[in-house]
């Protein structure tokens, strides 16, 4: 079965109500090309969609496009291909992008390598501060920045939230205790605070043991 035959596309629903629990109507479909794991990337003057799809090289990669409105996608641009060894364990994969904003900088984490392995881990794209966000040359890739440890394995496909008082960023991610890795219902959700290096770059640390008790988000 080809990836395209799985028919994963992005559909948009719109509500005219004042709350998320009001009724929705179908608004449109963003793309006719197979894609998964879309996320919104915010810049002051423009919104972007970042997602995972296959490149002309046949590699599951990250793409980016402008959003002129929530249901109209611009031209898809290749942002990151899995070309490093740590992005290619078992299968070459870039997926699950997640945006993070801190200290005036814009970051995109993403999941690299096959999710059925313990090498499923996070890479990082850092916006250089100038240049067109649609261009891969405007971003710096680094990684892996967060990997399996302490019995928490396959620690990737993450998201972020800020603490109630706005002083902290927290990383929420998949993990499993299956020693060979897992990409099914044997995964669970972990969360921990993102720390910051002296140069204001993110330090994701290492996953703690599952039995660890962490101090909750500031302001709870």
N, C-alpha and C. Protein backbone atom coordinates (compact mmCIF):
# COMPACT_ATOMS: atom_id res chain seq x y z
N UNK A 1 0.85 -1.20 0.00
CA UNK A 1 0.00 0.00 0.00
C UNK A 1 0.88 1.25 0.00
N UNK A 2 0.68 2.14 -0.94
CA UNK A 2 1.45 3.37 -0.98
C UNK A 2 0.95 4.35 0.06
N UNK A 3 1.82 5.29 0.53
CA UNK A 3 1.36 6.29 1.50
C UNK A 3 0.16 7.08 1.00
N UNK A 4 0.17 7.39 -0.32
CA UNK A 4 -0.92 8.18 -0.86
C UNK A 4 -2.26 7.47 -0.77
N UNK A 5 -2.24 6.11 -0.83
CA UNK A 5 -3.49 5.37 -0.80
C UNK A 5 -4.14 5.41 0.58
N UNK A 6 -3.39 5.83 1.59
CA UNK A 6 -3.96 5.93 2.93
C UNK A 6 -4.88 7.14 3.06
N UNK A 7 -4.75 8.09 2.14
CA UNK A 7 -5.68 9.21 2.03
C UNK A 7 -5.77 10.05 3.31
N UNK A 8 -4.61 10.46 3.82
CA UNK A 8 -4.59 11.39 4.94
C UNK A 8 -4.51 12.81 4.40
N UNK A 9 -5.60 13.58 4.58
CA UNK A 9 -5.64 14.96 4.11
C UNK A 9 -6.11 15.85 5.26
N UNK A 10 -6.04 17.16 5.07
CA UNK A 10 -6.43 18.12 6.10
C UNK A 10 -7.76 18.77 5.72
N UNK A 11 -8.76 18.60 6.56
CA UNK A 11 -10.06 19.22 6.35
C UNK A 11 -10.26 20.31 7.39
N UNK A 12 -10.99 21.35 7.02
CA UNK A 12 -11.22 22.50 7.89
C UNK A 12 -12.69 22.58 8.27
N UNK A 13 -12.96 22.70 9.56
CA UNK A 13 -14.30 22.93 10.08
C UNK A 13 -14.38 24.32 10.67
N UNK A 14 -15.53 24.96 10.53
CA UNK A 14 -15.72 26.32 11.04
C UNK A 14 -16.96 26.37 11.92
N UNK A 15 -16.84 27.05 13.04
CA UNK A 15 -17.99 27.26 13.90
C UNK A 15 -18.36 28.74 13.91
N UNK A 16 -19.63 29.01 13.90
CA UNK A 16 -20.09 30.39 14.01
C UNK A 16 -20.42 30.77 15.43
N UNK A 17 -20.21 29.82 16.34
CA UNK A 17 -20.53 30.05 17.74
C UNK A 17 -19.41 30.73 18.49
N UNK A 18 -19.68 30.98 19.75
CA UNK A 18 -18.72 31.68 20.60
C UNK A 18 -17.84 30.74 21.40
N UNK A 19 -18.12 29.45 21.35
CA UNK A 19 -17.34 28.50 22.14
C UNK A 19 -16.98 27.29 21.30
N UNK A 20 -15.97 26.52 21.71
CA UNK A 20 -15.58 25.33 20.95
C UNK A 20 -16.65 24.25 20.92
N UNK A 21 -17.68 24.36 21.74
CA UNK A 21 -18.72 23.33 21.81
C UNK A 21 -19.92 23.65 20.93
N UNK A 22 -19.87 24.76 20.20
CA UNK A 22 -20.96 25.08 19.29
C UNK A 22 -20.83 24.26 18.00
N UNK A 23 -21.86 24.34 17.16
CA UNK A 23 -21.88 23.53 15.95
C UNK A 23 -20.82 23.92 14.94
N UNK A 24 -20.41 22.96 14.12
CA UNK A 24 -19.38 23.17 13.10
C UNK A 24 -19.93 22.85 11.72
N UNK A 25 -19.36 23.49 10.71
CA UNK A 25 -19.68 23.21 9.32
C UNK A 25 -18.38 22.97 8.55
N UNK A 26 -18.44 22.09 7.57
CA UNK A 26 -17.27 21.81 6.73
C UNK A 26 -16.92 23.03 5.90
N UNK A 27 -15.65 23.45 5.96
CA UNK A 27 -15.22 24.65 5.25
C UNK A 27 -14.42 24.34 3.99
N UNK A 28 -13.63 23.28 4.03
CA UNK A 28 -12.84 22.95 2.86
C UNK A 28 -11.71 22.01 3.20
N UNK A 29 -10.95 21.66 2.17
CA UNK A 29 -9.80 20.76 2.30
C UNK A 29 -8.56 21.51 1.88
N UNK A 30 -7.52 21.44 2.71
CA UNK A 30 -6.32 22.23 2.45
C UNK A 30 -5.48 21.69 1.31
N UNK A 31 -5.41 20.38 1.16
CA UNK A 31 -4.50 19.81 0.18
C UNK A 31 -5.07 18.51 -0.35
N UNK A 32 -4.72 18.17 -1.59
CA UNK A 32 -5.11 16.88 -2.17
C UNK A 32 -3.94 15.90 -2.13
N UNK A 33 -2.83 16.29 -1.52
CA UNK A 33 -1.64 15.45 -1.42
C UNK A 33 -1.57 14.85 -0.02
N UNK A 34 -1.19 13.59 0.07
CA UNK A 34 -1.06 12.92 1.37
C UNK A 34 -0.23 13.76 2.33
N UNK A 35 -0.72 13.92 3.56
CA UNK A 35 0.02 14.65 4.57
C UNK A 35 -0.53 14.36 5.95
N UNK A 36 0.30 14.49 6.98
CA UNK A 36 -0.11 14.26 8.36
C UNK A 36 0.53 15.30 9.27
N UNK A 37 0.04 15.36 10.49
CA UNK A 37 0.70 16.09 11.59
C UNK A 37 0.85 17.59 11.33
N UNK A 38 -0.21 18.22 10.89
CA UNK A 38 -0.11 19.66 10.62
C UNK A 38 -0.10 20.47 11.91
N UNK A 39 0.60 21.59 11.88
CA UNK A 39 0.62 22.52 13.00
C UNK A 39 0.69 23.94 12.46
N UNK A 40 0.23 24.88 13.25
CA UNK A 40 0.26 26.29 12.86
C UNK A 40 1.54 26.93 13.37
N UNK A 41 2.21 27.68 12.50
CA UNK A 41 3.39 28.45 12.86
C UNK A 41 3.06 29.92 12.72
N UNK A 42 3.26 30.69 13.79
CA UNK A 42 2.86 32.09 13.81
C UNK A 42 4.05 33.03 13.68
N UNK A 43 3.98 33.93 12.74
CA UNK A 43 4.86 35.09 12.68
C UNK A 43 3.99 36.34 12.75
N UNK A 44 4.57 37.47 13.02
CA UNK A 44 3.79 38.69 13.25
C UNK A 44 2.85 39.00 12.10
N UNK A 45 3.34 38.87 10.89
CA UNK A 45 2.55 39.30 9.73
C UNK A 45 2.01 38.15 8.89
N UNK A 46 2.26 36.89 9.32
CA UNK A 46 1.85 35.78 8.47
C UNK A 46 1.69 34.51 9.30
N UNK A 47 0.67 33.73 8.93
CA UNK A 47 0.47 32.40 9.51
C UNK A 47 0.92 31.36 8.50
N UNK A 48 1.50 30.28 9.00
CA UNK A 48 1.98 29.20 8.14
C UNK A 48 1.44 27.86 8.64
N UNK A 49 1.36 26.90 7.73
CA UNK A 49 1.08 25.52 8.09
C UNK A 49 2.37 24.73 7.88
N UNK A 50 2.74 23.92 8.87
CA UNK A 50 3.89 23.02 8.75
C UNK A 50 3.37 21.60 8.96
N UNK A 51 3.78 20.67 8.11
CA UNK A 51 3.26 19.31 8.20
C UNK A 51 4.27 18.34 7.60
N UNK A 52 3.92 17.06 7.65
CA UNK A 52 4.78 16.00 7.12
C UNK A 52 4.16 15.42 5.86
N UNK A 53 4.98 15.30 4.81
CA UNK A 53 4.56 14.66 3.56
C UNK A 53 5.81 14.12 2.88
N UNK A 54 5.63 13.46 1.76
CA UNK A 54 6.77 12.86 1.08
C UNK A 54 7.38 13.83 0.07
N UNK A 55 8.70 13.89 0.08
CA UNK A 55 9.43 14.74 -0.86
C UNK A 55 9.59 14.01 -2.19
N UNK A 56 10.06 14.70 -3.24
CA UNK A 56 10.31 14.02 -4.52
C UNK A 56 11.32 12.88 -4.39
N UNK A 57 12.16 12.93 -3.33
CA UNK A 57 13.13 11.87 -3.10
C UNK A 57 12.51 10.66 -2.40
N UNK A 58 11.20 10.74 -2.10
CA UNK A 58 10.52 9.63 -1.45
C UNK A 58 10.74 9.58 0.04
N UNK A 59 11.19 10.68 0.63
CA UNK A 59 11.47 10.74 2.06
C UNK A 59 10.35 11.48 2.79
N UNK A 60 9.91 10.93 3.91
CA UNK A 60 8.88 11.61 4.71
C UNK A 60 9.53 12.83 5.36
N UNK A 61 9.10 14.00 4.95
CA UNK A 61 9.80 15.25 5.25
C UNK A 61 8.84 16.30 5.79
N UNK A 62 9.40 17.42 6.24
CA UNK A 62 8.57 18.54 6.68
C UNK A 62 8.39 19.54 5.54
N UNK A 63 7.15 20.00 5.39
CA UNK A 63 6.83 21.03 4.41
C UNK A 63 6.19 22.22 5.11
N UNK A 64 6.28 23.38 4.47
CA UNK A 64 5.71 24.61 5.00
C UNK A 64 5.02 25.38 3.89
N UNK A 65 3.91 26.04 4.22
CA UNK A 65 3.19 26.87 3.25
C UNK A 65 2.49 28.00 3.99
N UNK A 66 2.23 29.08 3.29
CA UNK A 66 1.48 30.18 3.88
C UNK A 66 0.00 29.82 3.97
N UNK A 67 -0.67 30.44 4.92
CA UNK A 67 -2.13 30.37 5.04
C UNK A 67 -2.67 31.78 4.82
N UNK A 68 -3.36 32.00 3.71
CA UNK A 68 -3.97 33.31 3.49
C UNK A 68 -5.24 33.45 4.31
N UNK A 69 -5.84 32.32 4.67
CA UNK A 69 -6.92 32.23 5.65
C UNK A 69 -6.91 30.78 6.13
N UNK A 70 -7.72 30.42 7.11
CA UNK A 70 -7.60 29.06 7.66
C UNK A 70 -7.87 27.93 6.69
N UNK A 71 -8.47 28.21 5.54
CA UNK A 71 -8.81 27.14 4.62
C UNK A 71 -8.13 27.28 3.26
N UNK A 72 -7.18 28.19 3.13
CA UNK A 72 -6.50 28.40 1.85
C UNK A 72 -5.00 28.29 2.03
N UNK A 73 -4.42 27.23 1.45
CA UNK A 73 -3.00 26.93 1.60
C UNK A 73 -2.23 27.40 0.39
N UNK A 74 -1.08 28.03 0.64
CA UNK A 74 -0.20 28.45 -0.44
C UNK A 74 0.63 27.28 -0.97
N UNK A 75 1.64 27.61 -1.75
CA UNK A 75 2.52 26.60 -2.34
C UNK A 75 3.33 25.89 -1.26
N UNK A 76 3.38 24.57 -1.34
CA UNK A 76 4.14 23.78 -0.37
C UNK A 76 5.63 23.87 -0.66
N UNK A 77 6.41 24.15 0.39
CA UNK A 77 7.86 24.27 0.27
C UNK A 77 8.54 23.28 1.20
N UNK A 78 9.55 22.58 0.68
CA UNK A 78 10.29 21.61 1.47
C UNK A 78 11.11 22.33 2.53
N UNK A 79 10.90 21.96 3.79
CA UNK A 79 11.58 22.61 4.91
C UNK A 79 12.70 21.75 5.49
N UNK A 80 12.46 20.45 5.62
CA UNK A 80 13.48 19.57 6.21
C UNK A 80 13.28 18.15 5.71
N UNK A 81 14.37 17.56 5.22
CA UNK A 81 14.37 16.14 4.86
C UNK A 81 15.19 15.36 5.87
N UNK A 82 14.87 14.08 6.10
CA UNK A 82 15.65 13.26 7.02
C UNK A 82 16.94 12.77 6.37
N UNK A 83 17.96 13.59 6.44
CA UNK A 83 19.24 13.26 5.79
C UNK A 83 20.32 12.85 6.78
N UNK A 84 20.13 13.13 8.06
CA UNK A 84 21.13 12.74 9.07
C UNK A 84 20.86 11.33 9.57
N UNK A 85 21.91 10.67 10.06
CA UNK A 85 21.78 9.28 10.51
C UNK A 85 20.74 9.15 11.62
N UNK A 86 20.67 10.12 12.54
CA UNK A 86 19.73 10.03 13.67
C UNK A 86 18.28 10.28 13.24
N UNK A 87 18.07 10.69 11.99
CA UNK A 87 16.72 10.87 11.44
C UNK A 87 16.27 9.68 10.59
N UNK A 88 17.12 8.67 10.48
CA UNK A 88 16.88 7.62 9.50
C UNK A 88 16.89 6.21 10.09
N UNK A 89 16.77 6.08 11.40
CA UNK A 89 16.82 4.76 12.02
C UNK A 89 15.57 3.96 11.63
N UNK A 90 15.78 2.84 10.99
CA UNK A 90 14.72 1.95 10.49
C UNK A 90 14.00 2.53 9.28
N UNK A 91 13.61 3.81 9.33
CA UNK A 91 13.03 4.52 8.19
C UNK A 91 13.40 5.99 8.29
N UNK A 92 13.63 6.66 7.14
CA UNK A 92 13.90 8.10 7.17
C UNK A 92 12.60 8.87 7.39
N UNK A 93 12.50 9.56 8.54
CA UNK A 93 11.24 10.21 8.90
C UNK A 93 11.50 11.57 9.54
N UNK A 94 10.77 12.58 9.09
CA UNK A 94 10.55 13.86 9.78
C UNK A 94 9.05 14.03 9.88
N UNK A 95 8.51 14.13 11.10
CA UNK A 95 7.06 14.27 11.26
C UNK A 95 6.77 14.99 12.58
N UNK A 96 5.50 15.22 12.85
CA UNK A 96 5.08 15.77 14.14
C UNK A 96 5.70 17.11 14.50
N UNK A 97 5.72 18.11 13.61
CA UNK A 97 6.30 19.40 13.98
C UNK A 97 5.50 20.09 15.07
N UNK A 98 6.19 20.85 15.92
CA UNK A 98 5.55 21.62 16.98
C UNK A 98 6.30 22.93 17.16
N UNK A 99 5.56 24.04 17.16
CA UNK A 99 6.17 25.37 17.27
C UNK A 99 6.35 25.77 18.73
N UNK A 100 7.46 26.45 19.00
CA UNK A 100 7.73 26.98 20.33
C UNK A 100 8.32 28.38 20.18
N UNK A 101 7.86 29.30 21.01
CA UNK A 101 8.29 30.69 20.95
C UNK A 101 8.83 31.10 22.33
N UNK A 102 10.04 31.64 22.35
CA UNK A 102 10.61 32.03 23.64
C UNK A 102 11.78 32.99 23.42
N UNK A 103 11.84 34.02 24.24
CA UNK A 103 12.97 34.94 24.18
C UNK A 103 13.12 35.62 22.84
N UNK A 104 12.00 35.84 22.15
CA UNK A 104 12.06 36.48 20.85
C UNK A 104 12.49 35.57 19.72
N UNK A 105 12.63 34.26 20.00
CA UNK A 105 13.05 33.32 18.98
C UNK A 105 11.91 32.35 18.65
N UNK A 106 11.98 31.79 17.44
CA UNK A 106 10.99 30.84 16.97
C UNK A 106 11.65 29.51 16.69
N UNK A 107 11.06 28.45 17.24
CA UNK A 107 11.60 27.10 17.10
C UNK A 107 10.53 26.16 16.56
N UNK A 108 10.98 25.11 15.88
CA UNK A 108 10.13 24.00 15.48
C UNK A 108 10.83 22.71 15.89
N UNK A 109 10.22 21.95 16.81
CA UNK A 109 10.70 20.61 17.04
C UNK A 109 10.00 19.68 16.07
N UNK A 110 10.56 18.49 15.90
CA UNK A 110 9.92 17.48 15.06
C UNK A 110 10.43 16.11 15.48
N UNK A 111 9.65 15.09 15.15
CA UNK A 111 10.01 13.71 15.46
C UNK A 111 10.81 13.12 14.31
N UNK A 112 11.90 12.44 14.65
CA UNK A 112 12.79 11.87 13.65
C UNK A 112 12.94 10.37 13.86
N UNK A 113 13.13 9.64 12.76
CA UNK A 113 13.27 8.19 12.71
C UNK A 113 11.93 7.49 12.90
N UNK A 114 11.95 6.19 12.80
CA UNK A 114 10.73 5.37 12.83
C UNK A 114 10.16 5.33 14.24
N UNK A 115 8.85 5.54 14.36
CA UNK A 115 8.22 5.57 15.68
C UNK A 115 8.16 4.20 16.34
N UNK A 116 8.46 3.14 15.60
CA UNK A 116 8.49 1.79 16.18
C UNK A 116 9.86 1.46 16.76
N UNK A 117 10.76 2.42 16.84
CA UNK A 117 12.08 2.18 17.40
C UNK A 117 12.30 3.06 18.63
N UNK A 118 13.29 2.71 19.43
CA UNK A 118 13.66 3.53 20.58
C UNK A 118 14.46 4.75 20.14
N UNK A 119 14.77 4.84 18.85
CA UNK A 119 15.47 6.01 18.30
C UNK A 119 14.53 7.09 17.81
N UNK A 120 13.24 6.90 18.03
CA UNK A 120 12.28 7.96 17.74
C UNK A 120 12.57 9.10 18.71
N UNK A 121 12.98 10.26 18.20
CA UNK A 121 13.53 11.31 19.03
C UNK A 121 13.28 12.67 18.39
N UNK A 122 13.61 13.72 19.11
CA UNK A 122 13.30 15.07 18.64
C UNK A 122 14.49 15.73 17.97
N UNK A 123 14.23 16.36 16.83
CA UNK A 123 15.14 17.30 16.21
C UNK A 123 14.61 18.70 16.40
N UNK A 124 15.43 19.69 16.06
CA UNK A 124 15.06 21.09 16.29
C UNK A 124 15.44 21.94 15.08
N UNK A 125 14.48 22.74 14.63
CA UNK A 125 14.74 23.78 13.64
C UNK A 125 14.62 25.13 14.34
N UNK A 126 15.63 25.96 14.20
CA UNK A 126 15.65 27.29 14.83
C UNK A 126 15.65 28.34 13.74
N UNK A 127 14.66 29.22 13.77
CA UNK A 127 14.60 30.30 12.79
C UNK A 127 15.77 31.26 13.04
N UNK A 128 16.47 31.63 11.99
CA UNK A 128 17.68 32.43 12.13
C UNK A 128 17.41 33.89 12.48
N UNK A 129 16.16 34.29 12.43
CA UNK A 129 15.80 35.66 12.80
C UNK A 129 15.62 36.58 11.62
N UNK A 130 15.98 36.13 10.43
CA UNK A 130 15.76 36.90 9.21
C UNK A 130 15.65 35.92 8.06
N UNK A 131 15.11 36.40 6.95
CA UNK A 131 14.91 35.53 5.80
C UNK A 131 13.50 34.99 5.75
N UNK A 132 13.14 34.48 4.61
CA UNK A 132 11.79 33.96 4.37
C UNK A 132 11.61 32.65 5.13
N UNK A 133 10.63 32.55 6.04
CA UNK A 133 10.41 31.29 6.76
C UNK A 133 10.09 30.11 5.85
N UNK A 134 9.69 30.38 4.60
CA UNK A 134 9.39 29.31 3.67
C UNK A 134 10.65 28.61 3.16
N UNK A 135 11.82 29.22 3.37
CA UNK A 135 13.07 28.68 2.86
C UNK A 135 13.80 27.89 3.93
N UNK A 136 14.25 26.71 3.59
CA UNK A 136 15.02 25.89 4.54
C UNK A 136 16.29 26.62 4.99
N UNK A 137 16.83 27.47 4.14
CA UNK A 137 18.05 28.20 4.48
C UNK A 137 17.84 29.24 5.58
N UNK A 138 16.60 29.55 5.91
CA UNK A 138 16.31 30.50 6.98
C UNK A 138 16.25 29.82 8.35
N UNK A 139 16.49 28.51 8.38
CA UNK A 139 16.42 27.73 9.61
C UNK A 139 17.72 26.97 9.82
N UNK A 140 18.06 26.73 11.08
CA UNK A 140 19.21 25.90 11.44
C UNK A 140 18.69 24.61 12.06
N UNK A 141 19.14 23.48 11.54
CA UNK A 141 18.75 22.18 12.08
C UNK A 141 19.78 21.70 13.09
N UNK A 142 19.30 21.15 14.20
CA UNK A 142 20.18 20.53 15.19
C UNK A 142 19.50 19.31 15.78
N UNK A 143 20.29 18.43 16.33
CA UNK A 143 19.68 17.26 16.96
C UNK A 143 20.60 16.06 16.98
N UNK A 144 20.14 15.01 17.63
CA UNK A 144 18.87 14.99 18.36
C UNK A 144 18.95 15.82 19.63
N UNK A 145 17.85 16.46 20.00
CA UNK A 145 17.82 17.32 21.18
C UNK A 145 17.08 16.68 22.34
N UNK A 146 16.41 15.54 22.10
CA UNK A 146 15.67 14.86 23.17
C UNK A 146 15.49 13.42 22.75
N UNK A 147 16.00 12.48 23.57
CA UNK A 147 16.04 11.07 23.18
C UNK A 147 15.67 10.18 24.36
N UNK A 148 15.50 8.89 24.07
CA UNK A 148 15.14 7.90 25.08
C UNK A 148 16.13 7.89 26.24
N UNK A 149 15.59 7.72 27.46
CA UNK A 149 16.44 7.60 28.65
C UNK A 149 15.59 7.11 29.82
N UNK A 150 16.24 6.49 30.77
CA UNK A 150 15.61 6.11 32.05
C UNK A 150 14.35 5.28 31.88
N UNK A 151 14.34 4.43 30.87
CA UNK A 151 13.20 3.55 30.65
C UNK A 151 12.04 4.18 29.91
N UNK A 152 12.13 5.47 29.62
CA UNK A 152 11.15 6.14 28.77
C UNK A 152 11.72 6.21 27.36
N UNK A 153 11.09 5.50 26.44
CA UNK A 153 11.66 5.23 25.13
C UNK A 153 10.78 5.79 24.02
N UNK A 154 11.41 6.11 22.90
CA UNK A 154 10.64 6.66 21.77
C UNK A 154 10.02 7.99 22.11
N UNK A 155 10.79 8.86 22.75
CA UNK A 155 10.28 10.11 23.34
C UNK A 155 10.23 11.20 22.28
N UNK A 156 9.15 11.22 21.53
CA UNK A 156 9.03 12.20 20.44
C UNK A 156 7.57 12.47 20.14
N UNK A 157 7.34 13.12 18.99
CA UNK A 157 6.00 13.56 18.56
C UNK A 157 5.36 14.37 19.70
N UNK A 158 5.90 15.54 19.89
CA UNK A 158 5.59 16.33 21.09
C UNK A 158 4.73 17.54 20.80
N UNK A 159 4.43 18.26 21.85
CA UNK A 159 3.77 19.55 21.78
C UNK A 159 4.26 20.40 22.95
N UNK A 160 3.80 21.63 23.02
CA UNK A 160 4.23 22.54 24.08
C UNK A 160 3.03 23.23 24.71
N UNK A 161 3.18 23.57 25.99
CA UNK A 161 2.23 24.47 26.63
C UNK A 161 3.00 25.35 27.60
N UNK A 162 2.45 26.51 27.92
CA UNK A 162 3.07 27.40 28.89
C UNK A 162 2.41 27.21 30.25
N UNK A 163 3.17 27.46 31.29
CA UNK A 163 2.65 27.35 32.65
C UNK A 163 1.57 28.41 32.87
N UNK A 164 0.70 28.23 33.86
CA UNK A 164 -0.38 29.19 34.10
C UNK A 164 0.10 30.63 34.28
N UNK A 165 1.28 30.82 34.85
CA UNK A 165 1.76 32.19 35.04
C UNK A 165 2.62 32.69 33.88
N UNK A 166 2.78 31.87 32.84
CA UNK A 166 3.48 32.29 31.63
C UNK A 166 4.99 32.30 31.73
N UNK A 167 5.56 31.78 32.81
CA UNK A 167 7.01 31.86 33.00
C UNK A 167 7.75 30.61 32.52
N UNK A 168 7.01 29.55 32.18
CA UNK A 168 7.65 28.30 31.80
C UNK A 168 7.05 27.75 30.52
N UNK A 169 7.88 27.02 29.77
CA UNK A 169 7.42 26.22 28.64
C UNK A 169 7.58 24.76 29.02
N UNK A 170 6.54 23.97 28.75
CA UNK A 170 6.57 22.54 29.05
C UNK A 170 6.48 21.73 27.77
N UNK A 171 7.22 20.65 27.74
CA UNK A 171 7.28 19.73 26.62
C UNK A 171 6.42 18.51 26.94
N UNK A 172 5.44 18.21 26.09
CA UNK A 172 4.57 17.05 26.25
C UNK A 172 4.86 16.09 25.09
N UNK A 173 5.10 14.81 25.40
CA UNK A 173 5.58 13.91 24.36
C UNK A 173 5.10 12.48 24.56
N UNK A 174 5.14 11.71 23.47
CA UNK A 174 4.89 10.28 23.53
C UNK A 174 6.09 9.57 24.15
N UNK A 175 5.84 8.48 24.83
CA UNK A 175 6.90 7.59 25.30
C UNK A 175 6.31 6.20 25.49
N UNK A 176 7.19 5.22 25.62
CA UNK A 176 6.76 3.86 25.89
C UNK A 176 7.83 3.18 26.73
N UNK A 177 7.43 2.15 27.47
CA UNK A 177 8.39 1.35 28.22
C UNK A 177 8.75 0.06 27.48
N UNK A 178 8.17 -0.15 26.29
CA UNK A 178 8.48 -1.33 25.48
C UNK A 178 9.94 -1.23 25.02
N UNK A 179 10.74 -2.22 25.34
CA UNK A 179 12.18 -2.10 25.14
C UNK A 179 12.61 -2.02 23.69
N UNK A 180 11.74 -2.46 22.78
CA UNK A 180 12.05 -2.37 21.36
C UNK A 180 11.43 -1.14 20.71
N UNK A 181 10.69 -0.36 21.48
CA UNK A 181 9.95 0.77 20.94
C UNK A 181 8.53 0.36 20.58
N UNK A 182 7.63 1.32 20.52
CA UNK A 182 6.24 1.04 20.16
C UNK A 182 5.59 2.29 19.59
N UNK A 183 4.64 2.06 18.68
CA UNK A 183 3.94 3.17 18.04
C UNK A 183 2.44 2.88 18.05
N UNK A 184 1.95 2.35 19.18
CA UNK A 184 0.56 1.94 19.28
C UNK A 184 0.03 2.29 20.66
N UNK A 185 -0.97 1.58 21.11
CA UNK A 185 -1.60 1.88 22.38
C UNK A 185 -0.74 1.61 23.60
N UNK A 186 0.44 1.09 23.41
CA UNK A 186 1.36 0.89 24.53
C UNK A 186 2.18 2.14 24.85
N UNK A 187 1.91 3.20 24.15
CA UNK A 187 2.54 4.48 24.48
C UNK A 187 1.73 5.22 25.53
N UNK A 188 2.36 6.16 26.20
CA UNK A 188 1.70 7.01 27.18
C UNK A 188 2.23 8.43 27.01
N UNK A 189 1.68 9.35 27.79
CA UNK A 189 2.03 10.76 27.68
C UNK A 189 2.92 11.18 28.84
N UNK A 190 4.01 11.87 28.52
CA UNK A 190 4.92 12.43 29.52
C UNK A 190 4.98 13.95 29.34
N UNK A 191 5.35 14.65 30.40
CA UNK A 191 5.51 16.10 30.32
C UNK A 191 6.62 16.52 31.26
N UNK A 192 7.42 17.49 30.84
CA UNK A 192 8.46 18.06 31.69
C UNK A 192 8.81 19.46 31.20
N UNK A 193 9.38 20.23 32.12
CA UNK A 193 9.71 21.63 31.82
C UNK A 193 10.91 21.72 30.89
N UNK A 194 10.85 22.68 29.98
CA UNK A 194 11.99 23.01 29.13
C UNK A 194 12.86 24.01 29.89
N UNK A 195 14.15 23.72 29.98
CA UNK A 195 15.09 24.65 30.58
C UNK A 195 15.82 25.42 29.50
N UNK A 196 16.63 26.40 29.91
CA UNK A 196 17.26 27.29 28.94
C UNK A 196 18.74 27.43 29.25
N UNK A 197 19.53 27.32 28.20
CA UNK A 197 20.98 27.48 28.33
C UNK A 197 21.34 28.95 28.52
N UNK A 198 22.59 29.20 28.84
CA UNK A 198 23.04 30.57 29.11
C UNK A 198 22.91 31.46 27.87
N UNK A 199 22.91 30.87 26.67
CA UNK A 199 22.74 31.65 25.44
C UNK A 199 21.28 31.71 24.99
N UNK A 200 20.37 31.32 25.90
CA UNK A 200 18.92 31.39 25.68
C UNK A 200 18.42 30.38 24.67
N UNK A 201 19.19 29.32 24.42
CA UNK A 201 18.72 28.23 23.58
C UNK A 201 18.04 27.18 24.46
N UNK A 202 17.09 26.43 23.93
CA UNK A 202 16.36 25.47 24.76
C UNK A 202 17.22 24.28 25.15
N UNK A 203 17.00 23.82 26.37
CA UNK A 203 17.63 22.62 26.87
C UNK A 203 16.51 21.68 27.31
N UNK A 204 16.26 20.64 26.53
CA UNK A 204 15.14 19.75 26.79
C UNK A 204 15.45 18.71 27.86
N UNK A 205 16.71 18.59 28.23
CA UNK A 205 17.08 17.65 29.27
C UNK A 205 16.93 16.21 28.81
N UNK A 206 16.66 15.31 29.76
CA UNK A 206 16.45 13.90 29.46
C UNK A 206 15.14 13.45 30.10
N UNK A 207 14.47 12.47 29.53
CA UNK A 207 13.24 11.97 30.15
C UNK A 207 13.55 11.37 31.53
N UNK A 208 12.76 11.69 32.53
CA UNK A 208 12.96 11.09 33.85
C UNK A 208 12.38 9.68 33.89
N UNK A 209 12.71 8.96 34.92
CA UNK A 209 12.08 7.66 35.13
C UNK A 209 10.58 7.83 35.31
N UNK A 210 9.82 6.83 34.90
CA UNK A 210 8.37 6.93 34.95
C UNK A 210 7.86 7.12 36.38
N UNK A 211 8.63 6.66 37.35
CA UNK A 211 8.23 6.78 38.76
C UNK A 211 8.54 8.14 39.36
N UNK A 212 9.20 9.02 38.59
CA UNK A 212 9.60 10.33 39.11
C UNK A 212 8.38 11.21 39.38
N UNK A 213 8.47 12.01 40.42
CA UNK A 213 7.44 13.00 40.73
C UNK A 213 8.04 14.38 40.49
N UNK A 214 7.49 15.12 39.55
CA UNK A 214 8.02 16.42 39.18
C UNK A 214 7.20 17.54 39.82
N UNK A 215 7.85 18.66 40.07
CA UNK A 215 7.13 19.86 40.49
C UNK A 215 6.26 20.33 39.33
N UNK A 216 5.03 20.66 39.61
CA UNK A 216 4.11 21.06 38.55
C UNK A 216 4.43 22.40 37.93
N UNK A 217 3.74 22.76 36.85
CA UNK A 217 3.95 24.04 36.19
C UNK A 217 3.75 25.22 37.15
N UNK A 218 4.58 26.22 36.98
CA UNK A 218 4.53 27.40 37.86
C UNK A 218 3.19 28.12 37.74
N UNK A 219 2.62 28.46 38.88
CA UNK A 219 1.35 29.18 38.89
C UNK A 219 0.14 28.30 39.05
N UNK A 220 0.35 26.99 39.14
CA UNK A 220 -0.79 26.10 39.36
C UNK A 220 -1.41 26.35 40.73
